[in-house]
Each structure stands twice: as structure tokens, then as C-alpha cells.
PDB file of all heavy atoms in Angstrom:
ATOM      1  N   ILE A   1      54.129 143.657  83.499  1.00  0.00           N
ATOM      2  CA  ILE A   1      55.295 143.463  82.697  1.00  0.00           C
ATOM      3  C   ILE A   1      55.284 144.483  81.581  1.00  0.00           C
ATOM      4  O   ILE A   1      54.367 144.551  80.754  1.00  0.00           O
ATOM      5  CB  ILE A   1      55.365 142.015  82.101  1.00  0.00           C
ATOM      6  CG1 ILE A   1      55.348 140.953  83.210  1.00  0.00           C
ATOM      7  CG2 ILE A   1      56.638 141.860  81.230  1.00  0.00           C
ATOM      8  CD1 ILE A   1      55.213 139.539  82.704  1.00  0.00           C
ATOM      9  N   THR A   2      56.280 145.299  81.482  1.00  0.00           N
ATOM     10  CA  THR A   2      56.321 146.434  80.543  1.00  0.00           C
ATOM     11  C   THR A   2      57.294 146.181  79.371  1.00  0.00           C
ATOM     12  O   THR A   2      57.195 146.846  78.346  1.00  0.00           O
ATOM     13  CB  THR A   2      56.658 147.740  81.227  1.00  0.00           C
ATOM     14  OG1 THR A   2      57.990 147.603  81.811  1.00  0.00           O
ATOM     15  CG2 THR A   2      55.633 148.059  82.332  1.00  0.00           C
ATOM     16  N   LYS A   3      58.262 145.303  79.574  1.00  0.00           N
ATOM     17  CA  LYS A   3      59.210 144.982  78.493  1.00  0.00           C
ATOM     18  C   LYS A   3      59.799 143.609  78.692  1.00  0.00           C
ATOM     19  O   LYS A   3      59.569 142.958  79.730  1.00  0.00           O
ATOM     20  CB  LYS A   3      60.258 146.036  78.416  1.00  0.00           C
ATOM     21  CG  LYS A   3      61.096 146.281  79.718  1.00  0.00           C
ATOM     22  CD  LYS A   3      62.279 147.205  79.487  1.00  0.00           C
ATOM     23  CE  LYS A   3      61.931 148.590  78.963  1.00  0.00           C
ATOM     24  NZ  LYS A   3      61.393 149.457  79.989  1.00  0.00           N
ATOM     25  N   ASP A   4      60.564 143.134  77.747  1.00  0.00           N
ATOM     26  CA  ASP A   4      61.224 141.839  77.840  1.00  0.00           C
ATOM     27  C   ASP A   4      62.040 141.810  79.125  1.00  0.00           C
ATOM     28  O   ASP A   4      62.770 142.749  79.420  1.00  0.00           O
ATOM     29  CB  ASP A   4      62.143 141.623  76.628  1.00  0.00           C
ATOM     30  CG  ASP A   4      62.875 140.309  76.680  1.00  0.00           C
ATOM     31  OD1 ASP A   4      63.997 140.293  77.281  1.00  0.00           O
ATOM     32  OD2 ASP A   4      62.352 139.318  76.224  1.00  0.00           O
ATOM     33  N   PRO A   5      61.890 140.702  79.914  1.00  0.00           N
ATOM     34  CA  PRO A   5      62.629 140.630  81.203  1.00  0.00           C
ATOM     35  C   PRO A   5      64.104 140.866  81.087  1.00  0.00           C
ATOM     36  O   PRO A   5      64.733 141.516  81.959  1.00  0.00           O
ATOM     37  CB  PRO A   5      62.324 139.242  81.724  1.00  0.00           C
ATOM     38  CG  PRO A   5      61.052 138.886  81.073  1.00  0.00           C
ATOM     39  CD  PRO A   5      61.040 139.528  79.706  1.00  0.00           C
ATOM     40  N   TYR A   6      64.747 140.338  80.023  1.00  0.00           N
ATOM     41  CA  TYR A   6      66.199 140.487  79.938  1.00  0.00           C
ATOM     42  C   TYR A   6      66.557 141.880  79.510  1.00  0.00           C
ATOM     43  O   TYR A   6      67.681 142.322  79.834  1.00  0.00           O
ATOM     44  CB  TYR A   6      66.776 139.384  78.985  1.00  0.00           C
ATOM     45  CG  TYR A   6      66.663 138.036  79.678  1.00  0.00           C
ATOM     46  CD1 TYR A   6      65.509 137.243  79.534  1.00  0.00           C
ATOM     47  CD2 TYR A   6      67.661 137.582  80.478  1.00  0.00           C
ATOM     48  CE1 TYR A   6      65.419 136.013  80.206  1.00  0.00           C
ATOM     49  CE2 TYR A   6      67.561 136.368  81.158  1.00  0.00           C
ATOM     50  CZ  TYR A   6      66.465 135.591  81.045  1.00  0.00           C
ATOM     51  OH  TYR A   6      66.368 134.378  81.649  1.00  0.00           O
ATOM     52  N   GLU A   7      65.734 142.565  78.803  1.00  0.00           N
ATOM     53  CA  GLU A   7      65.918 143.967  78.502  1.00  0.00           C
ATOM     54  C   GLU A   7      65.888 144.779  79.816  1.00  0.00           C
ATOM     55  O   GLU A   7      66.770 145.685  80.023  1.00  0.00           O
ATOM     56  CB  GLU A   7      64.891 144.478  77.507  1.00  0.00           C
ATOM     57  CG  GLU A   7      65.141 145.936  77.109  1.00  0.00           C
ATOM     58  CD  GLU A   7      64.033 146.478  76.155  1.00  0.00           C
ATOM     59  OE1 GLU A   7      63.239 145.630  75.661  1.00  0.00           O
ATOM     60  OE2 GLU A   7      64.015 147.669  75.892  1.00  0.00           O
ATOM     61  N   SER A   8      64.896 144.492  80.664  1.00  0.00           N
ATOM     62  CA  SER A   8      64.836 145.165  81.973  1.00  0.00           C
ATOM     63  C   SER A   8      66.116 144.929  82.780  1.00  0.00           C
ATOM     64  O   SER A   8      66.647 145.884  83.364  1.00  0.00           O
ATOM     65  CB  SER A   8      63.625 144.688  82.743  1.00  0.00           C
ATOM     66  OG  SER A   8      62.416 145.054  82.103  1.00  0.00           O
ATOM     67  N   LEU A   9      66.603 143.695  82.763  1.00  0.00           N
ATOM     68  CA  LEU A   9      67.825 143.356  83.520  1.00  0.00           C
ATOM     69  C   LEU A   9      68.987 144.133  82.948  1.00  0.00           C
ATOM     70  O   LEU A   9      69.809 144.699  83.672  1.00  0.00           O
ATOM     71  CB  LEU A   9      68.083 141.877  83.457  1.00  0.00           C
ATOM     72  CG  LEU A   9      67.326 140.997  84.417  1.00  0.00           C
ATOM     73  CD1 LEU A   9      67.428 139.515  83.989  1.00  0.00           C
ATOM     74  CD2 LEU A   9      67.762 141.189  85.824  1.00  0.00           C
ATOM     75  N   ASP A  10      69.134 144.110  81.628  1.00  0.00           N
ATOM     76  CA  ASP A  10      70.296 144.793  81.042  1.00  0.00           C
ATOM     77  C   ASP A  10      70.290 146.315  81.218  1.00  0.00           C
ATOM     78  O   ASP A  10      71.317 146.944  81.317  1.00  0.00           O
ATOM     79  CB  ASP A  10      70.321 144.497  79.477  1.00  0.00           C
ATOM     80  CG  ASP A  10      70.693 143.038  79.231  1.00  0.00           C
ATOM     81  OD1 ASP A  10      71.342 142.420  80.058  1.00  0.00           O
ATOM     82  OD2 ASP A  10      70.343 142.538  78.139  1.00  0.00           O
ATOM     83  N   LEU A  11      69.062 146.889  81.315  1.00  0.00           N
ATOM     84  CA  LEU A  11      68.930 148.318  81.585  1.00  0.00           C
ATOM     85  C   LEU A  11      69.022 148.667  83.076  1.00  0.00           C
ATOM     86  O   LEU A  11      69.029 149.825  83.425  1.00  0.00           O
ATOM     87  CB  LEU A  11      67.608 148.823  81.036  1.00  0.00           C
ATOM     88  CG  LEU A  11      67.473 148.808  79.485  1.00  0.00           C
ATOM     89  CD1 LEU A  11      66.027 149.123  79.104  1.00  0.00           C
ATOM     90  CD2 LEU A  11      68.421 149.806  78.866  1.00  0.00           C
ATOM     91  N   GLY A  12      69.066 147.665  83.944  1.00  0.00           N
ATOM     92  CA  GLY A  12      69.056 147.869  85.358  1.00  0.00           C
ATOM     93  C   GLY A  12      67.739 148.355  85.909  1.00  0.00           C
ATOM     94  O   GLY A  12      67.679 148.937  87.025  1.00  0.00           O
ATOM     95  N   GLU A  13      66.649 148.103  85.201  1.00  0.00           N
ATOM     96  CA  GLU A  13      65.293 148.502  85.627  1.00  0.00           C
ATOM     97  C   GLU A  13      64.706 147.385  86.493  1.00  0.00           C
ATOM     98  O   GLU A  13      63.901 146.589  86.040  1.00  0.00           O
ATOM     99  CB  GLU A  13      64.439 148.829  84.469  1.00  0.00           C
ATOM    100  CG  GLU A  13      64.921 150.036  83.656  1.00  0.00           C
ATOM    101  CD  GLU A  13      64.068 150.321  82.396  1.00  0.00           C
ATOM    102  OE1 GLU A  13      63.121 149.566  82.170  1.00  0.00           O
ATOM    103  OE2 GLU A  13      64.353 151.337  81.716  1.00  0.00           O
ATOM    104  N   VAL A  14      65.169 147.323  87.725  1.00  0.00           N
ATOM    105  CA  VAL A  14      64.796 146.252  88.655  1.00  0.00           C
ATOM    106  C   VAL A  14      64.415 146.776  89.989  1.00  0.00           C
ATOM    107  O   VAL A  14      64.671 147.957  90.270  1.00  0.00           O
ATOM    108  CB  VAL A  14      65.981 145.240  88.809  1.00  0.00           C
ATOM    109  CG1 VAL A  14      66.435 144.717  87.443  1.00  0.00           C
ATOM    110  CG2 VAL A  14      67.131 145.867  89.584  1.00  0.00           C
ATOM    111  N   ASN A  15      63.801 145.954  90.788  1.00  0.00           N
ATOM    112  CA  ASN A  15      63.466 146.319  92.182  1.00  0.00           C
ATOM    113  C   ASN A  15      64.628 145.809  93.019  1.00  0.00           C
ATOM    114  O   ASN A  15      65.019 144.653  93.014  1.00  0.00           O
ATOM    115  CB  ASN A  15      62.152 145.653  92.600  1.00  0.00           C
ATOM    116  CG  ASN A  15      60.948 146.166  91.854  1.00  0.00           C
ATOM    117  OD1 ASN A  15      60.840 147.362  91.677  1.00  0.00           O
ATOM    118  ND2 ASN A  15      60.099 145.275  91.374  1.00  0.00           N
ATOM    119  N   THR A  16      65.215 146.740  93.795  1.00  0.00           N
ATOM    120  CA  THR A  16      66.408 146.441  94.560  1.00  0.00           C
ATOM    121  C   THR A  16      66.107 145.347  95.592  1.00  0.00           C
ATOM    122  O   THR A  16      65.147 145.464  96.381  1.00  0.00           O
ATOM    123  CB  THR A  16      66.933 147.690  95.267  1.00  0.00           C
ATOM    124  OG1 THR A  16      67.195 148.714  94.323  1.00  0.00           O
ATOM    125  CG2 THR A  16      68.142 147.375  96.045  1.00  0.00           C
ATOM    126  N   ALA A  17      66.872 144.281  95.554  1.00  0.00           N
ATOM    127  CA  ALA A  17      66.681 143.167  96.464  1.00  0.00           C
ATOM    128  C   ALA A  17      67.892 142.249  96.471  1.00  0.00           C
ATOM    129  O   ALA A  17      68.562 142.107  95.448  1.00  0.00           O
ATOM    130  CB  ALA A  17      65.459 142.346  96.026  1.00  0.00           C
ATOM    131  N   ASP A  18      68.171 141.684  97.627  1.00  0.00           N
ATOM    132  CA  ASP A  18      69.116 140.588  97.670  1.00  0.00           C
ATOM    133  C   ASP A  18      68.458 139.351  97.094  1.00  0.00           C
ATOM    134  O   ASP A  18      67.251 139.123  97.315  1.00  0.00           O
ATOM    135  CB  ASP A  18      69.519 140.287  99.131  1.00  0.00           C
ATOM    136  CG  ASP A  18      70.250 141.453  99.826  1.00  0.00           C
ATOM    137  OD1 ASP A  18      70.808 142.276  99.082  1.00  0.00           O
ATOM    138  OD2 ASP A  18      70.221 141.500 101.060  1.00  0.00           O
ATOM    139  N   VAL A  19      69.195 138.519  96.380  1.00  0.00           N
ATOM    140  CA  VAL A  19      68.673 137.410  95.645  1.00  0.00           C
ATOM    141  C   VAL A  19      69.386 136.147  95.933  1.00  0.00           C
ATOM    142  O   VAL A  19      70.643 136.122  96.062  1.00  0.00           O
ATOM    143  CB  VAL A  19      68.641 137.648  94.130  1.00  0.00           C
ATOM    144  CG1 VAL A  19      68.273 136.432  93.344  1.00  0.00           C
ATOM    145  CG2 VAL A  19      67.651 138.799  93.783  1.00  0.00           C
ATOM    146  N   MET A  20      68.691 135.057  96.039  1.00  0.00           N
ATOM    147  CA  MET A  20      69.250 133.686  96.086  1.00  0.00           C
ATOM    148  C   MET A  20      68.519 132.853  95.034  1.00  0.00           C
ATOM    149  O   MET A  20      67.273 133.010  94.884  1.00  0.00           O
ATOM    150  CB  MET A  20      69.050 133.094  97.465  1.00  0.00           C
ATOM    151  CG  MET A  20      69.530 131.648  97.598  1.00  0.00           C
ATOM    152  SD  MET A  20      69.244 131.070  99.339  1.00  0.00           S
ATOM    153  CE  MET A  20      69.503 129.265  99.066  1.00  0.00           C
ATOM    154  N   MET A  21      69.225 132.082  94.276  1.00  0.00           N
ATOM    155  CA  MET A  21      68.571 131.344  93.198  1.00  0.00           C
ATOM    156  C   MET A  21      69.372 130.081  92.888  1.00  0.00           C
ATOM    157  O   MET A  21      70.537 129.983  93.138  1.00  0.00           O
ATOM    158  CB  MET A  21      68.354 132.170  91.966  1.00  0.00           C
ATOM    159  CG  MET A  21      69.611 132.688  91.286  1.00  0.00           C
ATOM    160  SD  MET A  21      69.207 133.789  89.913  1.00  0.00           S
ATOM    161  CE  MET A  21      68.300 132.741  88.837  1.00  0.00           C
ATOM    162  N   GLY A  22      68.674 129.104  92.272  1.00  0.00           N
ATOM    163  CA  GLY A  22      69.306 127.888  91.874  1.00  0.00           C
ATOM    164  C   GLY A  22      68.351 126.879  91.293  1.00  0.00           C
ATOM    165  O   GLY A  22      67.194 127.219  90.920  1.00  0.00           O
ATOM    166  N   TYR A  23      68.837 125.650  91.197  1.00  0.00           N
ATOM    167  CA  TYR A  23      68.031 124.606  90.584  1.00  0.00           C
ATOM    168  C   TYR A  23      68.465 123.238  91.127  1.00  0.00           C
ATOM    169  O   TYR A  23      69.483 123.121  91.846  1.00  0.00           O
ATOM    170  CB  TYR A  23      68.211 124.629  89.017  1.00  0.00           C
ATOM    171  CG  TYR A  23      69.678 124.590  88.651  1.00  0.00           C
ATOM    172  CD1 TYR A  23      70.315 123.364  88.387  1.00  0.00           C
ATOM    173  CD2 TYR A  23      70.428 125.752  88.516  1.00  0.00           C
ATOM    174  CE1 TYR A  23      71.615 123.292  88.035  1.00  0.00           C
ATOM    175  CE2 TYR A  23      71.772 125.715  88.164  1.00  0.00           C
ATOM    176  CZ  TYR A  23      72.360 124.474  87.940  1.00  0.00           C
ATOM    177  OH  TYR A  23      73.654 124.415  87.563  1.00  0.00           O
ATOM    178  N   ASN A  24      67.660 122.206  90.810  1.00  0.00           N
ATOM    179  CA  ASN A  24      67.979 120.846  91.267  1.00  0.00           C
ATOM    180  C   ASN A  24      68.935 120.127  90.288  1.00  0.00           C
ATOM    181  O   ASN A  24      69.048 120.505  89.122  1.00  0.00           O
ATOM    182  CB  ASN A  24      66.669 120.073  91.405  1.00  0.00           C
ATOM    183  CG  ASN A  24      65.801 120.673  92.483  1.00  0.00           C
ATOM    184  OD1 ASN A  24      66.193 121.514  93.268  1.00  0.00           O
ATOM    185  ND2 ASN A  24      64.544 120.275  92.531  1.00  0.00           N
ATOM    186  N   SER A  25      69.568 119.106  90.766  1.00  0.00           N
ATOM    187  CA  SER A  25      70.685 118.535  90.011  1.00  0.00           C
ATOM    188  C   SER A  25      70.325 117.799  88.767  1.00  0.00           C
ATOM    189  O   SER A  25      71.143 117.645  87.857  1.00  0.00           O
ATOM    190  CB  SER A  25      71.470 117.580  90.936  1.00  0.00           C
ATOM    191  OG  SER A  25      70.680 116.454  91.371  1.00  0.00           O
ATOM    192  N   ASN A  26      69.068 117.384  88.613  1.00  0.00           N
ATOM    193  CA  ASN A  26      68.654 116.699  87.335  1.00  0.00           C
ATOM    194  C   ASN A  26      67.155 116.978  87.147  1.00  0.00           C
ATOM    195  O   ASN A  26      66.355 116.027  87.265  1.00  0.00           O
ATOM    196  CB  ASN A  26      68.983 115.265  87.335  1.00  0.00           C
ATOM    197  CG  ASN A  26      69.260 114.715  85.941  1.00  0.00           C
ATOM    198  OD1 ASN A  26      69.053 115.383  84.951  1.00  0.00           O
ATOM    199  ND2 ASN A  26      69.790 113.492  85.839  1.00  0.00           N
ATOM    200  N   GLU A  27      66.792 118.172  86.828  1.00  0.00           N
ATOM    201  CA  GLU A  27      65.414 118.638  86.855  1.00  0.00           C
ATOM    202  C   GLU A  27      64.437 117.750  86.073  1.00  0.00           C
ATOM    203  O   GLU A  27      63.352 117.465  86.513  1.00  0.00           O
ATOM    204  CB  GLU A  27      65.357 120.087  86.285  1.00  0.00           C
ATOM    205  CG  GLU A  27      66.080 121.107  87.101  1.00  0.00           C
ATOM    206  CD  GLU A  27      65.207 121.670  88.225  1.00  0.00           C
ATOM    207  OE1 GLU A  27      64.047 121.294  88.327  1.00  0.00           O
ATOM    208  OE2 GLU A  27      65.700 122.498  89.036  1.00  0.00           O
ATOM    209  N   ALA A  28      64.812 117.349  84.877  1.00  0.00           N
ATOM    210  CA  ALA A  28      63.875 116.699  83.968  1.00  0.00           C
ATOM    211  C   ALA A  28      63.578 115.266  84.333  1.00  0.00           C
ATOM    212  O   ALA A  28      62.757 114.596  83.659  1.00  0.00           O
ATOM    213  CB  ALA A  28      64.384 116.782  82.522  1.00  0.00           C
ATOM    214  N   LEU A  29      64.127 114.748  85.422  1.00  0.00           N
ATOM    215  CA  LEU A  29      63.774 113.381  85.886  1.00  0.00           C
ATOM    216  C   LEU A  29      62.288 113.283  86.122  1.00  0.00           C
ATOM    217  O   LEU A  29      61.674 112.191  85.942  1.00  0.00           O
ATOM    218  CB  LEU A  29      64.548 113.000  87.122  1.00  0.00           C
ATOM    219  CG  LEU A  29      66.009 112.624  86.962  1.00  0.00           C
ATOM    220  CD1 LEU A  29      66.679 112.509  88.340  1.00  0.00           C
ATOM    221  CD2 LEU A  29      66.106 111.287  86.189  1.00  0.00           C
ATOM    222  N   ILE A  30      61.648 114.383  86.533  1.00  0.00           N
ATOM    223  CA  ILE A  30      60.206 114.363  86.790  1.00  0.00           C
ATOM    224  C   ILE A  30      59.426 114.024  85.540  1.00  0.00           C
ATOM    225  O   ILE A  30      58.245 113.551  85.652  1.00  0.00           O
ATOM    226  CB  ILE A  30      59.803 115.719  87.394  1.00  0.00           C
ATOM    227  CG1 ILE A  30      58.380 115.598  88.023  1.00  0.00           C
ATOM    228  CG2 ILE A  30      59.834 116.813  86.353  1.00  0.00           C
ATOM    229  CD1 ILE A  30      57.942 116.858  88.804  1.00  0.00           C
ATOM    230  N   MET A  31      59.980 114.226  84.366  1.00  0.00           N
ATOM    231  CA  MET A  31      59.245 114.097  83.151  1.00  0.00           C
ATOM    232  C   MET A  31      59.328 112.653  82.525  1.00  0.00           C
ATOM    233  O   MET A  31      58.656 112.402  81.529  1.00  0.00           O
ATOM    234  CB  MET A  31      59.797 115.126  82.115  1.00  0.00           C
ATOM    235  CG  MET A  31      59.385 116.537  82.393  1.00  0.00           C
ATOM    236  SD  MET A  31      57.615 116.774  82.236  1.00  0.00           S
ATOM    237  CE  MET A  31      57.380 116.542  80.483  1.00  0.00           C
ATOM    238  N   ILE A  32      60.110 111.795  83.087  1.00  0.00           N
ATOM    239  CA  ILE A  32      60.287 110.482  82.476  1.00  0.00           C
ATOM    240  C   ILE A  32      58.967 109.767  82.163  1.00  0.00           C
ATOM    241  O   ILE A  32      58.783 109.196  81.050  1.00  0.00           O
ATOM    242  CB  ILE A  32      61.249 109.600  83.289  1.00  0.00           C
ATOM    243  CG1 ILE A  32      62.699 110.082  83.153  1.00  0.00           C
ATOM    244  CG2 ILE A  32      61.132 108.118  82.917  1.00  0.00           C
ATOM    245  CD1 ILE A  32      63.724 109.301  83.962  1.00  0.00           C
ATOM    246  N   PRO A  33      57.995 109.755  83.099  1.00  0.00           N
ATOM    247  CA  PRO A  33      56.689 109.150  82.785  1.00  0.00           C
ATOM    248  C   PRO A  33      56.071 109.718  81.471  1.00  0.00           C
ATOM    249  O   PRO A  33      55.424 108.971  80.763  1.00  0.00           O
ATOM    250  CB  PRO A  33      55.857 109.362  83.981  1.00  0.00           C
ATOM    251  CG  PRO A  33      56.877 109.516  85.077  1.00  0.00           C
ATOM    252  CD  PRO A  33      57.978 110.279  84.491  1.00  0.00           C
ATOM    253  N   PHE A  34      56.215 110.979  81.276  1.00  0.00           N
ATOM    254  CA  PHE A  34      55.615 111.634  80.080  1.00  0.00           C
ATOM    255  C   PHE A  34      56.451 111.289  78.838  1.00  0.00           C
ATOM    256  O   PHE A  34      55.901 111.248  77.734  1.00  0.00           O
ATOM    257  CB  PHE A  34      55.569 113.131  80.276  1.00  0.00           C
ATOM    258  CG  PHE A  34      54.610 113.567  81.385  1.00  0.00           C
ATOM    259  CD1 PHE A  34      55.042 113.706  82.712  1.00  0.00           C
ATOM    260  CD2 PHE A  34      53.262 113.805  81.112  1.00  0.00           C
ATOM    261  CE1 PHE A  34      54.199 114.090  83.696  1.00  0.00           C
ATOM    262  CE2 PHE A  34      52.393 114.169  82.135  1.00  0.00           C
ATOM    263  CZ  PHE A  34      52.876 114.287  83.412  1.00  0.00           C
ATOM    264  N   TYR A  35      57.722 111.116  78.977  1.00  0.00           N
ATOM    265  CA  TYR A  35      58.555 110.761  77.832  1.00  0.00           C
ATOM    266  C   TYR A  35      58.261 109.375  77.286  1.00  0.00           C
ATOM    267  O   TYR A  35      58.363 109.127  76.087  1.00  0.00           O
ATOM    268  CB  TYR A  35      60.072 110.803  78.223  1.00  0.00           C
ATOM    269  CG  TYR A  35      60.580 112.161  78.619  1.00  0.00           C
ATOM    270  CD1 TYR A  35      61.626 112.254  79.545  1.00  0.00           C
ATOM    271  CD2 TYR A  35      60.001 113.333  78.122  1.00  0.00           C
ATOM    272  CE1 TYR A  35      62.082 113.546  79.925  1.00  0.00           C
ATOM    273  CE2 TYR A  35      60.461 114.579  78.545  1.00  0.00           C
ATOM    274  CZ  TYR A  35      61.532 114.677  79.490  1.00  0.00           C
ATOM    275  OH  TYR A  35      61.993 115.885  79.843  1.00  0.00           O
TER     276      TYR A  35
END
């Protein structure tokens, strides 16, 4: 890692790749026992 990730994104300094990304519908449910 050579610089802040979002700086790299804004500068276009990335590795060319098709991307798929996402998240689950209520992520923090896993934490209820800790809460």
C-alpha cells in the first residue's frame, strides 16, 4: 500500500479489473450478542 486507498481511486491508480461488490441487508445483526 503506497497511499490512501481513496486517493489511489481518485487518481485512477488501480489494477484494471471487472468488479462486483455488495453487502448483506442488515450486517450488524451479527453483533447483537456483543451489544
